[in-house]
Amino acid sequence: MSTNTMNPYWKSVIFFTKVSISCFFIQWLLDNYFDLNHWKPISYPFFHWLANFFFYYGCGYITLRLKDSSYLTSYKILNAPNVTQQVMNFDCLSIIKGELIFLLMCYGYGFFIEYSSHSPNLIFNLAWFYLCVISADFTFYVIHYTLHKKFYWIHKKHHEYIDLNGFVAEYKSLLEALVITTSDILPFLIFGTSINQLIAWIIVGVLYNVEGHSSMKLFYIIDNFHHKHHTHFNVNYGIAQYLDHIFGTM
């Protein structure tokens, strides 16, 4: 079945499944080969920051290079005719400032997360990640829609770029970063987690967020759903597609 003819519910199920299995696999790798539970809890927020930093800049750079490749035309999402090319400017001082602020945010979250010293069983983990991504999608839809309709001044910075690349994923105001990051890890803040479980979630979240803004369809992204949000603005507020289909915002 072509992704163009697939209904939004199946697309959402496929996305949720990819995210859940990816988280499950990364946590399994951490549990068995790079177990962070051996470190002191004071270091856990640093690992949270480091995972986000490494995969955001690493994957952002890789997708930028892939976007420029002439061999991957079939994986590219083409811009609408009215979209002009934009070059993203990188200011080292702003990057350092932003990363220091995010590191402080991670330590702030660390005060509220109750960490366990071991990971739950495999079946529970898979179900947990599935519920987490559904929760993240729902909270993101509500927050994203509200930002557009009532508090656009918070969200405005993120929409400065219509010609997308992976680095646009985390190009946002400090207040938006705080709100979105908190909603993303809300289940972990409420119910607690192991550090390996949290890091797996952070890594996969960065991967699909960067890909979703990269103008590429590589693994998590199968069509131009979020790309269209940036070019058409008042559509496609969710991470997956079923909520937009239900509420008529596609």
C-alpha atoms as a PDB file:
ATOM      1  CA  MET A   1       0.000   0.000   0.000  1.00  0.00           C
ATOM      2  CA  SER A   2       1.307   3.436  -0.950  1.00  0.00           C
ATOM      3  CA  THR A   3       1.854   5.855   1.922  1.00  0.00           C
ATOM      4  CA  ASN A   4      -0.159   8.407  -0.062  1.00  0.00           C
ATOM      5  CA  THR A   5      -3.287   6.236   0.112  1.00  0.00           C
ATOM      6  CA  MET A   6      -2.773   4.836   3.628  1.00  0.00           C
ATOM      7  CA  ASN A   7      -5.234   6.250   6.152  1.00  0.00           C
ATOM      8  CA  PRO A   8      -3.960   8.435   9.037  1.00  0.00           C
ATOM      9  CA  TYR A   9      -4.741   5.795  11.662  1.00  0.00           C
ATOM     10  CA  TRP A  10      -2.488   3.184  10.062  1.00  0.00           C
ATOM     11  CA  LYS A  11       0.246   5.773   9.589  1.00  0.00           C
ATOM     12  CA  SER A  12      -0.018   6.624  13.281  1.00  0.00           C
ATOM     13  CA  VAL A  13       0.116   2.960  14.335  1.00  0.00           C
ATOM     14  CA  ILE A  14       3.208   2.421  12.173  1.00  0.00           C
ATOM     15  CA  PHE A  15       4.889   5.490  13.655  1.00  0.00           C
ATOM     16  CA  PHE A  16       4.061   4.519  17.245  1.00  0.00           C
ATOM     17  CA  THR A  17       5.338   0.997  16.620  1.00  0.00           C
ATOM     18  CA  LYS A  18       8.624   2.194  15.100  1.00  0.00           C
ATOM     19  CA  VAL A  19       9.235   4.536  18.034  1.00  0.00           C
ATOM     20  CA  SER A  20       8.353   1.911  20.649  1.00  0.00           C
ATOM     21  CA  ILE A  21      10.539  -0.798  19.127  1.00  0.00           C
ATOM     22  CA  SER A  22      13.430   1.657  18.674  1.00  0.00           C
ATOM     23  CA  CYS A  23      13.236   2.703  22.334  1.00  0.00           C
ATOM     24  CA  PHE A  24      12.974  -0.930  23.399  1.00  0.00           C
ATOM     25  CA  PHE A  25      16.055  -1.877  21.368  1.00  0.00           C
ATOM     26  CA  ILE A  26      18.179   1.063  22.546  1.00  0.00           C
ATOM     27  CA  GLN A  27      17.281   0.373  26.160  1.00  0.00           C
ATOM     28  CA  TRP A  28      18.209  -3.285  25.665  1.00  0.00           C
ATOM     29  CA  LEU A  29      21.619  -2.173  24.349  1.00  0.00           C
ATOM     30  CA  LEU A  30      22.106   0.115  27.328  1.00  0.00           C
ATOM     31  CA  ASP A  31      20.999  -2.528  29.833  1.00  0.00           C
ATOM     32  CA  ASN A  32      23.340  -5.144  28.415  1.00  0.00           C
ATOM     33  CA  TYR A  33      26.375  -3.222  27.164  1.00  0.00           C
ATOM     34  CA  PHE A  34      26.397   0.370  28.455  1.00  0.00           C
ATOM     35  CA  ASP A  35      24.461   0.206  31.706  1.00  0.00           C
ATOM     36  CA  LEU A  36      24.232   3.718  33.145  1.00  0.00           C
ATOM     37  CA  ASN A  37      22.757   2.424  36.410  1.00  0.00           C
ATOM     38  CA  HIS A  38      26.326   1.868  37.612  1.00  0.00           C
ATOM     39  CA  TRP A  39      26.857   5.628  37.732  1.00  0.00           C
ATOM     40  CA  LYS A  40      25.762   7.824  40.606  1.00  0.00           C
ATOM     41  CA  PRO A  41      22.312   9.468  40.201  1.00  0.00           C
ATOM     42  CA  ILE A  42      23.892  12.937  40.275  1.00  0.00           C
ATOM     43  CA  SER A  43      25.302  12.151  36.819  1.00  0.00           C
ATOM     44  CA  TYR A  44      21.938  11.142  35.289  1.00  0.00           C
ATOM     45  CA  PRO A  45      20.899  14.671  34.232  1.00  0.00           C
ATOM     46  CA  PHE A  46      24.271  15.029  32.512  1.00  0.00           C
ATOM     47  CA  PHE A  47      23.571  11.861  30.495  1.00  0.00           C
ATOM     48  CA  HIS A  48      20.142  13.305  29.624  1.00  0.00           C
ATOM     49  CA  TRP A  49      21.807  16.448  28.274  1.00  0.00           C
ATOM     50  CA  LEU A  50      24.625  14.533  26.548  1.00  0.00           C
ATOM     51  CA  ALA A  51      22.261  12.178  24.688  1.00  0.00           C
ATOM     52  CA  ASN A  52      20.228  15.130  23.427  1.00  0.00           C
ATOM     53  CA  PHE A  53      23.351  17.102  22.446  1.00  0.00           C
ATOM     54  CA  PHE A  54      25.134  14.261  20.645  1.00  0.00           C
ATOM     55  CA  PHE A  55      22.171  12.971  18.657  1.00  0.00           C
ATOM     56  CA  TYR A  56      20.727  16.397  17.831  1.00  0.00           C
ATOM     57  CA  TYR A  57      23.922  17.823  16.364  1.00  0.00           C
ATOM     58  CA  GLY A  58      25.115  14.503  14.954  1.00  0.00           C
ATOM     59  CA  CYS A  59      21.862  13.590  13.236  1.00  0.00           C
ATOM     60  CA  GLY A  60      21.202  17.192  12.251  1.00  0.00           C
ATOM     61  CA  TYR A  61      24.508  17.276  10.399  1.00  0.00           C
ATOM     62  CA  ILE A  62      23.973  13.857   8.787  1.00  0.00           C
ATOM     63  CA  THR A  63      20.484  14.713   7.515  1.00  0.00           C
ATOM     64  CA  LEU A  64      21.792  18.033   6.180  1.00  0.00           C
ATOM     65  CA  ARG A  65      24.389  16.165   4.130  1.00  0.00           C
ATOM     66  CA  LEU A  66      21.825  13.587   2.991  1.00  0.00           C
ATOM     67  CA  LYS A  67      19.479  16.371   1.910  1.00  0.00           C
ATOM     68  CA  ASP A  68      22.219  17.689  -0.392  1.00  0.00           C
ATOM     69  CA  SER A  69      22.930  14.250  -1.871  1.00  0.00           C
ATOM     70  CA  SER A  70      21.873  13.642  -5.467  1.00  0.00           C
ATOM     71  CA  TYR A  71      21.590   9.894  -4.782  1.00  0.00           C
ATOM     72  CA  LEU A  72      18.666  10.141  -2.357  1.00  0.00           C
ATOM     73  CA  THR A  73      16.137  12.064  -4.433  1.00  0.00           C
ATOM     74  CA  SER A  74      13.350   9.554  -3.750  1.00  0.00           C
ATOM     75  CA  TYR A  75      13.736  10.134   0.011  1.00  0.00           C
ATOM     76  CA  LYS A  76      13.451  13.915  -0.182  1.00  0.00           C
ATOM     77  CA  ILE A  77      10.342  15.938   0.597  1.00  0.00           C
ATOM     78  CA  LEU A  78      10.075  18.673  -2.000  1.00  0.00           C
ATOM     79  CA  ASN A  79       9.249  22.216  -0.944  1.00  0.00           C
ATOM     80  CA  ALA A  80       6.181  24.011  -2.214  1.00  0.00           C
ATOM     81  CA  PRO A  81       6.967  26.330  -5.175  1.00  0.00           C
ATOM     82  CA  ASN A  82       6.674  29.461  -3.009  1.00  0.00           C
ATOM     83  CA  VAL A  83       9.318  28.316  -0.486  1.00  0.00           C
ATOM     84  CA  THR A  84      12.695  29.984  -0.960  1.00  0.00           C
ATOM     85  CA  GLN A  85      15.975  28.495   0.211  1.00  0.00           C
ATOM     86  CA  GLN A  86      17.071  29.549   3.692  1.00  0.00           C
ATOM     87  CA  VAL A  87      20.519  29.172   5.209  1.00  0.00           C
ATOM     88  CA  MET A  88      20.679  28.524   8.932  1.00  0.00           C
ATOM     89  CA  ASN A  89      23.188  30.683  10.753  1.00  0.00           C
ATOM     90  CA  PHE A  90      25.054  29.111  13.656  1.00  0.00           C
ATOM     91  CA  ASP A  91      26.225  31.402  16.436  1.00  0.00           C
ATOM     92  CA  CYS A  92      28.680  29.578  18.724  1.00  0.00           C
ATOM     93  CA  LEU A  93      27.966  31.834  21.684  1.00  0.00           C
ATOM     94  CA  SER A  94      24.212  31.266  21.374  1.00  0.00           C
ATOM     95  CA  ILE A  95      24.735  27.505  21.061  1.00  0.00           C
ATOM     96  CA  ILE A  96      26.880  27.393  24.208  1.00  0.00           C
ATOM     97  CA  LYS A  97      24.370  29.535  26.093  1.00  0.00           C
ATOM     98  CA  GLY A  98      21.469  27.355  24.946  1.00  0.00           C
ATOM     99  CA  GLU A  99      23.222  24.127  25.888  1.00  0.00           C
ATOM    100  CA  LEU A 100      24.127  25.429  29.348  1.00  0.00           C
ATOM    101  CA  ILE A 101      20.504  26.409  29.920  1.00  0.00           C
ATOM    102  CA  PHE A 102      19.318  22.981  28.770  1.00  0.00           C
ATOM    103  CA  LEU A 103      21.853  21.292  31.062  1.00  0.00           C
ATOM    104  CA  LEU A 104      20.389  23.255  33.978  1.00  0.00           C
ATOM    105  CA  MET A 105      16.903  22.184  32.845  1.00  0.00           C
ATOM    106  CA  CYS A 106      18.020  18.543  32.890  1.00  0.00           C
ATOM    107  CA  TYR A 107      19.275  18.914  36.449  1.00  0.00           C
ATOM    108  CA  GLY A 108      15.970  20.563  37.341  1.00  0.00           C
ATOM    109  CA  TYR A 109      14.068  17.569  35.966  1.00  0.00           C
ATOM    110  CA  GLY A 110      16.462  15.318  37.869  1.00  0.00           C
ATOM    111  CA  PHE A 111      15.077  16.618  41.165  1.00  0.00           C
ATOM    112  CA  PHE A 112      11.589  15.401  40.235  1.00  0.00           C
ATOM    113  CA  ILE A 113      12.306  12.075  38.522  1.00  0.00           C
ATOM    114  CA  GLU A 114      12.330   9.055  40.817  1.00  0.00           C
ATOM    115  CA  TYR A 115      14.979   6.755  39.369  1.00  0.00           C
ATOM    116  CA  SER A 116      14.928   3.004  39.907  1.00  0.00           C
ATOM    117  CA  SER A 117      18.192   1.059  39.953  1.00  0.00           C
ATOM    118  CA  HIS A 118      17.019  -1.589  37.489  1.00  0.00           C
ATOM    119  CA  SER A 119      14.982  -1.775  34.291  1.00  0.00           C
ATOM    120  CA  PRO A 120      11.551  -3.465  34.124  1.00  0.00           C
ATOM    121  CA  ASN A 121      11.021  -6.657  32.125  1.00  0.00           C
ATOM    122  CA  LEU A 122      11.090  -6.547  28.333  1.00  0.00           C
ATOM    123  CA  ILE A 123       7.349  -6.867  27.666  1.00  0.00           C
ATOM    124  CA  PHE A 124       6.560  -4.110  30.157  1.00  0.00           C
ATOM    125  CA  ASN A 125       9.172  -1.876  28.519  1.00  0.00           C
ATOM    126  CA  LEU A 126       7.658  -2.249  25.061  1.00  0.00           C
ATOM    127  CA  ALA A 127       4.159  -1.468  26.359  1.00  0.00           C
ATOM    128  CA  TRP A 128       5.513   1.444  28.421  1.00  0.00           C
ATOM    129  CA  PHE A 129       7.198   3.064  25.425  1.00  0.00           C
ATOM    130  CA  TYR A 130       4.050   2.597  23.340  1.00  0.00           C
ATOM    131  CA  LEU A 131       2.007   4.409  25.990  1.00  0.00           C
ATOM    132  CA  CYS A 132       4.688   7.112  26.277  1.00  0.00           C
ATOM    133  CA  VAL A 133       4.660   7.957  22.584  1.00  0.00           C
ATOM    134  CA  ILE A 134       0.845   8.056  22.520  1.00  0.00           C
ATOM    135  CA  SER A 135       0.943  10.371  25.552  1.00  0.00           C
ATOM    136  CA  ALA A 136       3.621  12.554  23.931  1.00  0.00           C
ATOM    137  CA  ASP A 137       1.570  12.820  20.747  1.00  0.00           C
ATOM    138  CA  PHE A 138      -1.586  13.834  22.632  1.00  0.00           C
ATOM    139  CA  THR A 139       0.118  16.444  24.828  1.00  0.00           C
ATOM    140  CA  PHE A 140       2.064  17.819  21.862  1.00  0.00           C
ATOM    141  CA  TYR A 141      -1.112  18.186  19.797  1.00  0.00           C
ATOM    142  CA  VAL A 142      -2.892  20.102  22.575  1.00  0.00           C
ATOM    143  CA  ILE A 143       0.105  22.325  23.366  1.00  0.00           C
ATOM    144  CA  HIS A 144       1.030  22.910  19.719  1.00  0.00           C
ATOM    145  CA  TYR A 145      -2.543  23.828  18.756  1.00  0.00           C
ATOM    146  CA  THR A 146      -2.806  26.167  21.766  1.00  0.00           C
ATOM    147  CA  LEU A 147       0.499  27.844  20.915  1.00  0.00           C
ATOM    148  CA  HIS A 148      -0.728  28.567  17.394  1.00  0.00           C
ATOM    149  CA  LYS A 149      -4.139  29.849  18.461  1.00  0.00           C
ATOM    150  CA  LYS A 150      -3.465  31.658  21.750  1.00  0.00           C
ATOM    151  CA  PHE A 151       0.259  32.022  22.449  1.00  0.00           C
ATOM    152  CA  TYR A 152       1.929  32.264  19.071  1.00  0.00           C
ATOM    153  CA  TRP A 153       4.530  34.691  20.428  1.00  0.00           C
ATOM    154  CA  ILE A 154       6.024  31.715  22.303  1.00  0.00           C
ATOM    155  CA  HIS A 155       6.105  29.547  19.165  1.00  0.00           C
ATOM    156  CA  LYS A 156       6.971  32.203  16.576  1.00  0.00           C
ATOM    157  CA  LYS A 157      10.727  31.571  16.599  1.00  0.00           C
ATOM    158  CA  HIS A 158      10.283  27.944  15.518  1.00  0.00           C
ATOM    159  CA  HIS A 159       8.454  29.068  12.367  1.00  0.00           C
ATOM    160  CA  GLU A 160      11.158  31.439  11.159  1.00  0.00           C
ATOM    161  CA  TYR A 161      12.361  28.604   8.900  1.00  0.00           C
ATOM    162  CA  ILE A 162      10.045  27.311   6.179  1.00  0.00           C
ATOM    163  CA  ASP A 163      12.861  25.714   4.184  1.00  0.00           C
ATOM    164  CA  LEU A 164      13.460  22.915   6.666  1.00  0.00           C
ATOM    165  CA  ASN A 165      16.562  21.104   7.826  1.00  0.00           C
ATOM    166  CA  GLY A 166      17.150  18.851  10.829  1.00  0.00           C
ATOM    167  CA  PHE A 167      18.508  21.641  13.018  1.00  0.00           C
ATOM    168  CA  VAL A 168      15.142  23.438  12.923  1.00  0.00           C
ATOM    169  CA  ALA A 169      13.842  20.706  15.262  1.00  0.00           C
ATOM    170  CA  GLU A 170      15.191  22.444  18.361  1.00  0.00           C
ATOM    171  CA  TYR A 171      15.201  26.000  17.061  1.00  0.00           C
ATOM    172  CA  LYS A 172      12.666  27.467  19.476  1.00  0.00           C
ATOM    173  CA  SER A 173      12.251  29.941  22.308  1.00  0.00           C
ATOM    174  CA  LEU A 174      13.386  29.044  25.819  1.00  0.00           C
ATOM    175  CA  LEU A 175       9.813  29.034  27.116  1.00  0.00           C
ATOM    176  CA  GLU A 176       8.651  26.720  24.331  1.00  0.00           C
ATOM    177  CA  ALA A 177      11.618  24.415  24.948  1.00  0.00           C
ATOM    178  CA  LEU A 178      10.662  24.199  28.628  1.00  0.00           C
ATOM    179  CA  VAL A 179       6.988  23.471  27.897  1.00  0.00           C
ATOM    180  CA  ILE A 180       7.616  20.908  25.135  1.00  0.00           C
ATOM    181  CA  THR A 181      10.442  19.105  26.941  1.00  0.00           C
ATOM    182  CA  THR A 182       8.356  18.819  30.101  1.00  0.00           C
ATOM    183  CA  SER A 183       5.402  17.382  28.175  1.00  0.00           C
ATOM    184  CA  ASP A 184       7.687  14.910  26.379  1.00  0.00           C
ATOM    185  CA  ILE A 185       9.000  13.394  29.611  1.00  0.00           C
ATOM    186  CA  LEU A 186       5.794  13.812  31.640  1.00  0.00           C
ATOM    187  CA  PRO A 187       5.197  10.046  32.134  1.00  0.00           C
ATOM    188  CA  PHE A 188       8.740   9.706  33.480  1.00  0.00           C
ATOM    189  CA  LEU A 189       8.229  12.649  35.845  1.00  0.00           C
ATOM    190  CA  ILE A 190       4.987  11.136  37.157  1.00  0.00           C
ATOM    191  CA  PHE A 191       5.830   7.438  37.352  1.00  0.00           C
ATOM    192  CA  GLY A 192       9.618   7.376  37.595  1.00  0.00           C
ATOM    193  CA  THR A 193      12.022   5.464  35.376  1.00  0.00           C
ATOM    194  CA  SER A 194      15.414   3.859  35.071  1.00  0.00           C
ATOM    195  CA  ILE A 195      18.140   6.027  33.561  1.00  0.00           C
ATOM    196  CA  ASN A 196      18.541   3.601  30.643  1.00  0.00           C
ATOM    197  CA  GLN A 197      14.828   3.840  29.895  1.00  0.00           C
ATOM    198  CA  LEU A 198      14.901   7.635  29.946  1.00  0.00           C
ATOM    199  CA  ILE A 199      17.993   7.877  27.734  1.00  0.00           C
ATOM    200  CA  ALA A 200      16.444   5.490  25.190  1.00  0.00           C
ATOM    201  CA  TRP A 201      13.376   7.745  25.077  1.00  0.00           C
ATOM    202  CA  ILE A 202      15.491  10.894  24.695  1.00  0.00           C
ATOM    203  CA  ILE A 203      17.562   9.415  21.850  1.00  0.00           C
ATOM    204  CA  VAL A 204      14.578   8.211  19.828  1.00  0.00           C
ATOM    205  CA  GLY A 205      12.700  11.462  20.443  1.00  0.00           C
ATOM    206  CA  VAL A 206      15.610  13.422  19.001  1.00  0.00           C
ATOM    207  CA  LEU A 207      15.880  11.034  16.043  1.00  0.00           C
ATOM    208  CA  TYR A 208      12.269  11.371  14.904  1.00  0.00           C
ATOM    209  CA  ASN A 209      12.158  15.097  15.668  1.00  0.00           C
ATOM    210  CA  VAL A 210      15.280  15.802  13.605  1.00  0.00           C
ATOM    211  CA  GLU A 211      14.066  13.588  10.760  1.00  0.00           C
ATOM    212  CA  GLY A 212      10.643  15.254  10.895  1.00  0.00           C
ATOM    213  CA  HIS A 213      12.272  18.625  10.184  1.00  0.00           C
ATOM    214  CA  SER A 214      14.940  17.395   7.763  1.00  0.00           C
ATOM    215  CA  SER A 215      12.906  17.367   4.522  1.00  0.00           C
ATOM    216  CA  MET A 216      13.769  13.653   4.324  1.00  0.00           C
ATOM    217  CA  LYS A 217      11.757  10.416   4.638  1.00  0.00           C
ATOM    218  CA  LEU A 218      14.269   7.962   6.074  1.00  0.00           C
ATOM    219  CA  PHE A 219      12.645   5.767   8.739  1.00  0.00           C
ATOM    220  CA  TYR A 220      10.200   7.373  11.171  1.00  0.00           C
ATOM    221  CA  ILE A 221       8.798   9.820   8.632  1.00  0.00           C
ATOM    222  CA  ILE A 222       6.810   8.381   5.726  1.00  0.00           C
ATOM    223  CA  ASP A 223       5.272  11.490   4.131  1.00  0.00           C
ATOM    224  CA  ASN A 224       5.261  15.303   4.222  1.00  0.00           C
ATOM    225  CA  PHE A 225       2.909  15.599   7.235  1.00  0.00           C
ATOM    226  CA  HIS A 226       4.989  17.897   9.478  1.00  0.00           C
ATOM    227  CA  HIS A 227       6.755  19.496   6.523  1.00  0.00           C
ATOM    228  CA  LYS A 228       3.321  20.689   5.390  1.00  0.00           C
ATOM    229  CA  HIS A 229       2.745  22.224   8.830  1.00  0.00           C
ATOM    230  CA  HIS A 230       5.725  24.520   8.258  1.00  0.00           C
ATOM    231  CA  THR A 231       4.724  25.462   4.711  1.00  0.00           C
ATOM    232  CA  HIS A 232       0.945  25.780   5.302  1.00  0.00           C
ATOM    233  CA  PHE A 233       1.120  26.801   8.977  1.00  0.00           C
ATOM    234  CA  ASN A 234      -2.381  26.105  10.400  1.00  0.00           C
ATOM    235  CA  VAL A 235      -2.567  22.364   9.747  1.00  0.00           C
ATOM    236  CA  ASN A 236      -1.013  19.145  11.092  1.00  0.00           C
ATOM    237  CA  TYR A 237      -0.407  19.925  14.757  1.00  0.00           C
ATOM    238  CA  GLY A 238       0.295  16.397  16.003  1.00  0.00           C
ATOM    239  CA  ILE A 239       3.385  14.222  15.894  1.00  0.00           C
ATOM    240  CA  ALA A 240       1.401  11.365  14.377  1.00  0.00           C
ATOM    241  CA  GLN A 241      -1.662  12.001  12.206  1.00  0.00           C
ATOM    242  CA  TYR A 242      -4.773  10.504  13.778  1.00  0.00           C
ATOM    243  CA  LEU A 243      -5.587  13.421  16.119  1.00  0.00           C
ATOM    244  CA  ASP A 244      -5.473  15.911  13.254  1.00  0.00           C
ATOM    245  CA  HIS A 245      -7.761  13.586  11.303  1.00  0.00           C
ATOM    246  CA  ILE A 246     -10.204  13.342  14.231  1.00  0.00           C
ATOM    247  CA  PHE A 247     -10.297  17.089  14.904  1.00  0.00           C
ATOM    248  CA  GLY A 248     -10.255  18.200  11.268  1.00  0.00           C
ATOM    249  CA  THR A 249      -6.907  19.996  11.338  1.00  0.00           C
ATOM    250  CA  MET A 250      -5.209  18.127   8.488  1.00  0.00           C
END
